[in-house]
Amino acid sequence: TQRYIQSLGFTDLNNRSIPVDVHGVNGAEQSYYSPLGRYLSFGDGGVDGAEDADIINHEYGHALQHDQVPDWGQTHEGEAMGEGFGDYLAGTMHGAEGWNSACVAMWDATFYASGEPPCLRRLDSSKHYPEDMEGEIHADGEIWSAALWQCQDLIGRDVFNSILLESLYFVPPDGEFR
């Protein structure tokens, strides 16, 4: 993921080693990026989070945003944007592997989702702001990830990702969807 970001011209964006705890939340299905400790931690519930590249890229997305805007996500909508960006990053990295899928975290989701394929979340949601806000950051993040996914389809993966990564520097810590 870092090589892809650098290929877009972002050579200083979170270009550092990040400590990782692959069993950070023993027995729990929760992975996260710690902005205070600047490390990634992956849960062990069901399928180990560190076994799914989408989970890794999602959490790495939080690391990228906190590198760009250290106090990112001071509002509910800002947190939802962070969750949506993490999901989008996971999905756009599928393009590096030569496939296009709106399903995020298929491997991790095999433990708890019944869809075919099983997905943690999808990038092709039809949710619309503000009427589809639910008050839960992951659910509301689907509004943001779907918008990003649509832009990628319209503009093209590399061009849109360059624009997106540059624009994130300008989102204030208390940013909202509007």
C-alpha atoms as a PDB file:
ATOM      1  CA  THR A   1       0.000   0.000   0.000  1.00  0.00           C
ATOM      2  CA  GLN A   2       2.826   2.388   0.843  1.00  0.00           C
ATOM      3  CA  ARG A   3       4.512   1.602  -2.493  1.00  0.00           C
ATOM      4  CA  TYR A   4       1.259   2.437  -4.309  1.00  0.00           C
ATOM      5  CA  ILE A   5       0.881   5.713  -2.402  1.00  0.00           C
ATOM      6  CA  GLN A   6       4.463   6.637  -3.254  1.00  0.00           C
ATOM      7  CA  SER A   7       3.842   5.792  -6.930  1.00  0.00           C
ATOM      8  CA  LEU A   8       1.176   8.522  -6.844  1.00  0.00           C
ATOM      9  CA  GLY A   9       3.823  11.030  -5.722  1.00  0.00           C
ATOM     10  CA  PHE A  10       3.188  11.000  -1.950  1.00  0.00           C
ATOM     11  CA  THR A  11       6.677  10.069  -0.772  1.00  0.00           C
ATOM     12  CA  ASP A  12       6.319  11.547   2.726  1.00  0.00           C
ATOM     13  CA  LEU A  13       2.801  10.385   3.597  1.00  0.00           C
ATOM     14  CA  ASN A  14       3.174   8.088   6.611  1.00  0.00           C
ATOM     15  CA  ASN A  15       6.418   6.787   5.114  1.00  0.00           C
ATOM     16  CA  ARG A  16       7.595   5.071   8.290  1.00  0.00           C
ATOM     17  CA  SER A  17       7.591   1.723   9.986  1.00  0.00           C
ATOM     18  CA  ILE A  18       4.481   1.132  12.048  1.00  0.00           C
ATOM     19  CA  PRO A  19       4.574  -1.207  15.037  1.00  0.00           C
ATOM     20  CA  VAL A  20       1.981  -3.958  14.714  1.00  0.00           C
ATOM     21  CA  ASP A  21       0.439  -6.234  17.327  1.00  0.00           C
ATOM     22  CA  VAL A  22      -1.158  -9.077  15.378  1.00  0.00           C
ATOM     23  CA  HIS A  23      -2.853 -10.410  18.533  1.00  0.00           C
ATOM     24  CA  GLY A  24      -3.608  -7.092  20.202  1.00  0.00           C
ATOM     25  CA  VAL A  25      -7.191  -7.775  21.127  1.00  0.00           C
ATOM     26  CA  ASN A  26      -7.064 -11.403  22.145  1.00  0.00           C
ATOM     27  CA  GLY A  27     -10.367 -13.173  21.534  1.00  0.00           C
ATOM     28  CA  ALA A  28     -12.106 -10.051  20.259  1.00  0.00           C
ATOM     29  CA  GLU A  29     -13.187  -9.220  16.724  1.00  0.00           C
ATOM     30  CA  GLN A  30     -11.777  -5.703  16.924  1.00  0.00           C
ATOM     31  CA  SER A  31      -8.814  -4.189  15.116  1.00  0.00           C
ATOM     32  CA  TYR A  32      -7.708  -0.573  15.368  1.00  0.00           C
ATOM     33  CA  TYR A  33      -5.066   2.064  14.785  1.00  0.00           C
ATOM     34  CA  SER A  34      -3.874   3.875  17.897  1.00  0.00           C
ATOM     35  CA  PRO A  35      -3.145   7.527  17.083  1.00  0.00           C
ATOM     36  CA  LEU A  36      -1.525   8.010  20.502  1.00  0.00           C
ATOM     37  CA  GLY A  37       0.817   5.034  20.247  1.00  0.00           C
ATOM     38  CA  ARG A  38       0.972   5.193  16.429  1.00  0.00           C
ATOM     39  CA  TYR A  39       0.600   1.426  16.054  1.00  0.00           C
ATOM     40  CA  LEU A  40      -1.796  -1.089  14.498  1.00  0.00           C
ATOM     41  CA  SER A  41      -3.518  -3.734  16.590  1.00  0.00           C
ATOM     42  CA  PHE A  42      -5.502  -6.663  15.229  1.00  0.00           C
ATOM     43  CA  GLY A  43      -8.156  -8.763  16.910  1.00  0.00           C
ATOM     44  CA  ASP A  44      -8.280 -12.542  17.166  1.00  0.00           C
ATOM     45  CA  GLY A  45     -12.040 -13.141  17.205  1.00  0.00           C
ATOM     46  CA  GLY A  46     -13.321 -15.498  14.516  1.00  0.00           C
ATOM     47  CA  VAL A  47     -10.772 -14.973  11.759  1.00  0.00           C
ATOM     48  CA  ASP A  48      -7.658 -13.153  12.955  1.00  0.00           C
ATOM     49  CA  GLY A  49      -7.890  -9.566  11.661  1.00  0.00           C
ATOM     50  CA  ALA A  50      -4.234  -9.583  10.600  1.00  0.00           C
ATOM     51  CA  GLU A  51      -5.023 -12.423   8.172  1.00  0.00           C
ATOM     52  CA  ASP A  52      -7.224 -10.186   5.995  1.00  0.00           C
ATOM     53  CA  ALA A  53      -5.455  -7.646   3.767  1.00  0.00           C
ATOM     54  CA  ASP A  54      -8.623  -5.523   3.737  1.00  0.00           C
ATOM     55  CA  ILE A  55      -8.576  -5.224   7.524  1.00  0.00           C
ATOM     56  CA  ILE A  56      -4.889  -4.288   7.402  1.00  0.00           C
ATOM     57  CA  ASN A  57      -5.493  -1.660   4.700  1.00  0.00           C
ATOM     58  CA  HIS A  58      -8.560  -0.308   6.520  1.00  0.00           C
ATOM     59  CA  GLU A  59      -6.566   0.265   9.703  1.00  0.00           C
ATOM     60  CA  TYR A  60      -3.640   1.617   7.697  1.00  0.00           C
ATOM     61  CA  GLY A  61      -6.099   4.150   6.262  1.00  0.00           C
ATOM     62  CA  HIS A  62      -6.556   5.539   9.775  1.00  0.00           C
ATOM     63  CA  ALA A  63      -2.768   5.810  10.123  1.00  0.00           C
ATOM     64  CA  LEU A  64      -2.617   7.763   6.856  1.00  0.00           C
ATOM     65  CA  GLN A  65      -5.328  10.188   7.944  1.00  0.00           C
ATOM     66  CA  HIS A  66      -3.742  10.765  11.338  1.00  0.00           C
ATOM     67  CA  ASP A  67      -0.409  11.413   9.636  1.00  0.00           C
ATOM     68  CA  GLN A  68      -2.086  14.047   7.444  1.00  0.00           C
ATOM     69  CA  VAL A  69      -4.315  15.575  10.145  1.00  0.00           C
ATOM     70  CA  PRO A  70      -3.109  14.490  13.614  1.00  0.00           C
ATOM     71  CA  ASP A  71      -6.404  15.219  15.397  1.00  0.00           C
ATOM     72  CA  TRP A  72      -8.606  13.697  12.667  1.00  0.00           C
ATOM     73  CA  GLY A  73     -12.177  12.790  13.571  1.00  0.00           C
ATOM     74  CA  GLN A  74     -13.277  15.239  16.255  1.00  0.00           C
ATOM     75  CA  THR A  75     -16.935  14.868  15.193  1.00  0.00           C
ATOM     76  CA  HIS A  76     -19.188  11.895  14.572  1.00  0.00           C
ATOM     77  CA  GLU A  77     -19.207  12.637  10.858  1.00  0.00           C
ATOM     78  CA  GLY A  78     -15.418  12.997  10.856  1.00  0.00           C
ATOM     79  CA  GLU A  79     -15.100   9.594  12.497  1.00  0.00           C
ATOM     80  CA  ALA A  80     -17.522   8.162   9.934  1.00  0.00           C
ATOM     81  CA  MET A  81     -15.423   9.686   7.147  1.00  0.00           C
ATOM     82  CA  GLY A  82     -12.400   7.939   8.671  1.00  0.00           C
ATOM     83  CA  GLU A  83     -14.206   4.594   8.679  1.00  0.00           C
ATOM     84  CA  GLY A  84     -15.412   5.144   5.124  1.00  0.00           C
ATOM     85  CA  PHE A  85     -11.922   6.087   3.963  1.00  0.00           C
ATOM     86  CA  GLY A  86     -10.462   2.953   5.580  1.00  0.00           C
ATOM     87  CA  ASP A  87     -13.012   0.798   3.764  1.00  0.00           C
ATOM     88  CA  TYR A  88     -12.393   2.640   0.506  1.00  0.00           C
ATOM     89  CA  LEU A  89      -8.613   2.200   0.832  1.00  0.00           C
ATOM     90  CA  ALA A  90      -9.114  -1.538   1.282  1.00  0.00           C
ATOM     91  CA  GLY A  91     -11.304  -1.640  -1.813  1.00  0.00           C
ATOM     92  CA  THR A  92      -9.081   0.492  -4.011  1.00  0.00           C
ATOM     93  CA  MET A  93      -6.111  -1.695  -3.152  1.00  0.00           C
ATOM     94  CA  HIS A  94      -8.000  -4.587  -4.777  1.00  0.00           C
ATOM     95  CA  GLY A  95      -7.231  -2.716  -8.003  1.00  0.00           C
ATOM     96  CA  ALA A  96      -3.526  -3.243  -7.360  1.00  0.00           C
ATOM     97  CA  GLU A  97      -4.247  -6.955  -7.397  1.00  0.00           C
ATOM     98  CA  GLY A  98      -6.097  -6.678 -10.694  1.00  0.00           C
ATOM     99  CA  TRP A  99      -9.662  -7.132  -9.470  1.00  0.00           C
ATOM    100  CA  ASN A 100     -12.471  -4.781  -8.665  1.00  0.00           C
ATOM    101  CA  SER A 101     -14.695  -5.659  -5.741  1.00  0.00           C
ATOM    102  CA  ALA A 102     -17.046  -3.528  -3.672  1.00  0.00           C
ATOM    103  CA  CYS A 103     -16.962  -6.180  -0.935  1.00  0.00           C
ATOM    104  CA  VAL A 104     -14.630  -5.307   1.945  1.00  0.00           C
ATOM    105  CA  ALA A 105     -13.049  -7.915   4.227  1.00  0.00           C
ATOM    106  CA  MET A 106     -14.425 -11.098   2.690  1.00  0.00           C
ATOM    107  CA  TRP A 107     -12.002 -13.320   4.584  1.00  0.00           C
ATOM    108  CA  ASP A 108     -12.626 -11.719   7.962  1.00  0.00           C
ATOM    109  CA  ALA A 109     -16.394 -11.736   7.357  1.00  0.00           C
ATOM    110  CA  THR A 110     -16.563 -15.503   6.795  1.00  0.00           C
ATOM    111  CA  PHE A 111     -16.921 -15.846  10.558  1.00  0.00           C
ATOM    112  CA  TYR A 112     -19.986 -13.604  11.025  1.00  0.00           C
ATOM    113  CA  ALA A 113     -21.599 -12.664   7.686  1.00  0.00           C
ATOM    114  CA  SER A 114     -23.987 -14.843   5.737  1.00  0.00           C
ATOM    115  CA  GLY A 115     -23.964 -13.052   2.367  1.00  0.00           C
ATOM    116  CA  GLU A 116     -22.376 -14.424  -0.758  1.00  0.00           C
ATOM    117  CA  PRO A 117     -19.687 -13.334  -0.744  1.00  0.00           C
ATOM    118  CA  PRO A 118     -19.584 -12.474   2.946  1.00  0.00           C
ATOM    119  CA  CYS A 119     -18.625  -8.828   3.458  1.00  0.00           C
ATOM    120  CA  LEU A 120     -17.807  -6.725   6.489  1.00  0.00           C
ATOM    121  CA  ARG A 121     -19.156  -3.721   4.563  1.00  0.00           C
ATOM    122  CA  ARG A 122     -19.763  -2.802   0.929  1.00  0.00           C
ATOM    123  CA  LEU A 123     -18.538   0.157  -1.098  1.00  0.00           C
ATOM    124  CA  ASP A 124     -21.521   0.258  -3.446  1.00  0.00           C
ATOM    125  CA  SER A 125     -24.103   1.367  -0.905  1.00  0.00           C
ATOM    126  CA  SER A 126     -26.997   3.523  -2.075  1.00  0.00           C
ATOM    127  CA  LYS A 127     -27.034   5.419   1.239  1.00  0.00           C
ATOM    128  CA  HIS A 128     -27.409   9.172   0.906  1.00  0.00           C
ATOM    129  CA  TYR A 129     -26.515  12.022   3.247  1.00  0.00           C
ATOM    130  CA  PRO A 130     -28.188  13.149   5.467  1.00  0.00           C
ATOM    131  CA  GLU A 131     -31.322  11.008   5.399  1.00  0.00           C
ATOM    132  CA  ASP A 132     -29.477   7.681   5.749  1.00  0.00           C
ATOM    133  CA  MET A 133     -27.411   8.671   8.792  1.00  0.00           C
ATOM    134  CA  GLU A 134     -27.808   6.055  11.540  1.00  0.00           C
ATOM    135  CA  GLY A 135     -25.574   7.489  14.258  1.00  0.00           C
ATOM    136  CA  GLU A 136     -23.056   4.619  14.118  1.00  0.00           C
ATOM    137  CA  ILE A 137     -19.686   5.517  12.589  1.00  0.00           C
ATOM    138  CA  HIS A 138     -19.198   2.329  10.541  1.00  0.00           C
ATOM    139  CA  ALA A 139     -22.724   2.401   9.119  1.00  0.00           C
ATOM    140  CA  ASP A 140     -22.502   6.135   8.412  1.00  0.00           C
ATOM    141  CA  GLY A 141     -19.053   5.625   6.917  1.00  0.00           C
ATOM    142  CA  GLU A 142     -20.725   3.653   4.126  1.00  0.00           C
ATOM    143  CA  ILE A 143     -22.102   6.973   2.846  1.00  0.00           C
ATOM    144  CA  TRP A 144     -18.552   8.301   2.466  1.00  0.00           C
ATOM    145  CA  SER A 145     -16.995   5.100   1.094  1.00  0.00           C
ATOM    146  CA  ALA A 146     -19.755   4.785  -1.526  1.00  0.00           C
ATOM    147  CA  ALA A 147     -19.152   8.376  -2.668  1.00  0.00           C
ATOM    148  CA  LEU A 148     -15.415   7.699  -2.943  1.00  0.00           C
ATOM    149  CA  TRP A 149     -16.030   4.426  -4.799  1.00  0.00           C
ATOM    150  CA  GLN A 150     -18.296   6.198  -7.294  1.00  0.00           C
ATOM    151  CA  CYS A 151     -15.669   8.893  -7.876  1.00  0.00           C
ATOM    152  CA  GLN A 152     -13.013   6.258  -8.493  1.00  0.00           C
ATOM    153  CA  ASP A 153     -15.268   4.635 -11.096  1.00  0.00           C
ATOM    154  CA  LEU A 154     -15.921   7.979 -12.816  1.00  0.00           C
ATOM    155  CA  ILE A 155     -12.413   9.458 -12.767  1.00  0.00           C
ATOM    156  CA  GLY A 156     -10.170   6.398 -12.666  1.00  0.00           C
ATOM    157  CA  ARG A 157      -8.329   4.778  -9.798  1.00  0.00           C
ATOM    158  CA  ASP A 158      -4.938   6.495  -9.868  1.00  0.00           C
ATOM    159  CA  VAL A 159      -6.161   9.972 -10.779  1.00  0.00           C
ATOM    160  CA  PHE A 160      -8.894   9.905  -8.163  1.00  0.00           C
ATOM    161  CA  ASN A 161      -6.627   8.500  -5.448  1.00  0.00           C
ATOM    162  CA  SER A 162      -4.104  11.280  -6.109  1.00  0.00           C
ATOM    163  CA  ILE A 163      -6.859  13.881  -5.761  1.00  0.00           C
ATOM    164  CA  LEU A 164      -8.295  12.179  -2.680  1.00  0.00           C
ATOM    165  CA  LEU A 165      -4.986  11.854  -0.834  1.00  0.00           C
ATOM    166  CA  GLU A 166      -4.105  15.482  -1.560  1.00  0.00           C
ATOM    167  CA  SER A 167      -7.539  16.685  -0.445  1.00  0.00           C
ATOM    168  CA  LEU A 168      -7.340  14.910   2.907  1.00  0.00           C
ATOM    169  CA  TYR A 169      -4.652  17.378   4.026  1.00  0.00           C
ATOM    170  CA  PHE A 170      -7.340  20.081   3.888  1.00  0.00           C
ATOM    171  CA  VAL A 171     -10.015  18.376   5.971  1.00  0.00           C
ATOM    172  CA  PRO A 172     -10.011  19.968   9.416  1.00  0.00           C
ATOM    173  CA  PRO A 173      -9.976  17.758  12.534  1.00  0.00           C
ATOM    174  CA  ASP A 174     -13.635  18.654  13.125  1.00  0.00           C
ATOM    175  CA  GLY A 175     -14.617  18.097   9.478  1.00  0.00           C
ATOM    176  CA  GLU A 176     -18.045  16.836   8.513  1.00  0.00           C
ATOM    177  CA  PHE A 177     -19.591  15.388   5.346  1.00  0.00           C
ATOM    178  CA  ARG A 178     -20.679  18.808   4.122  1.00  0.00           C
END
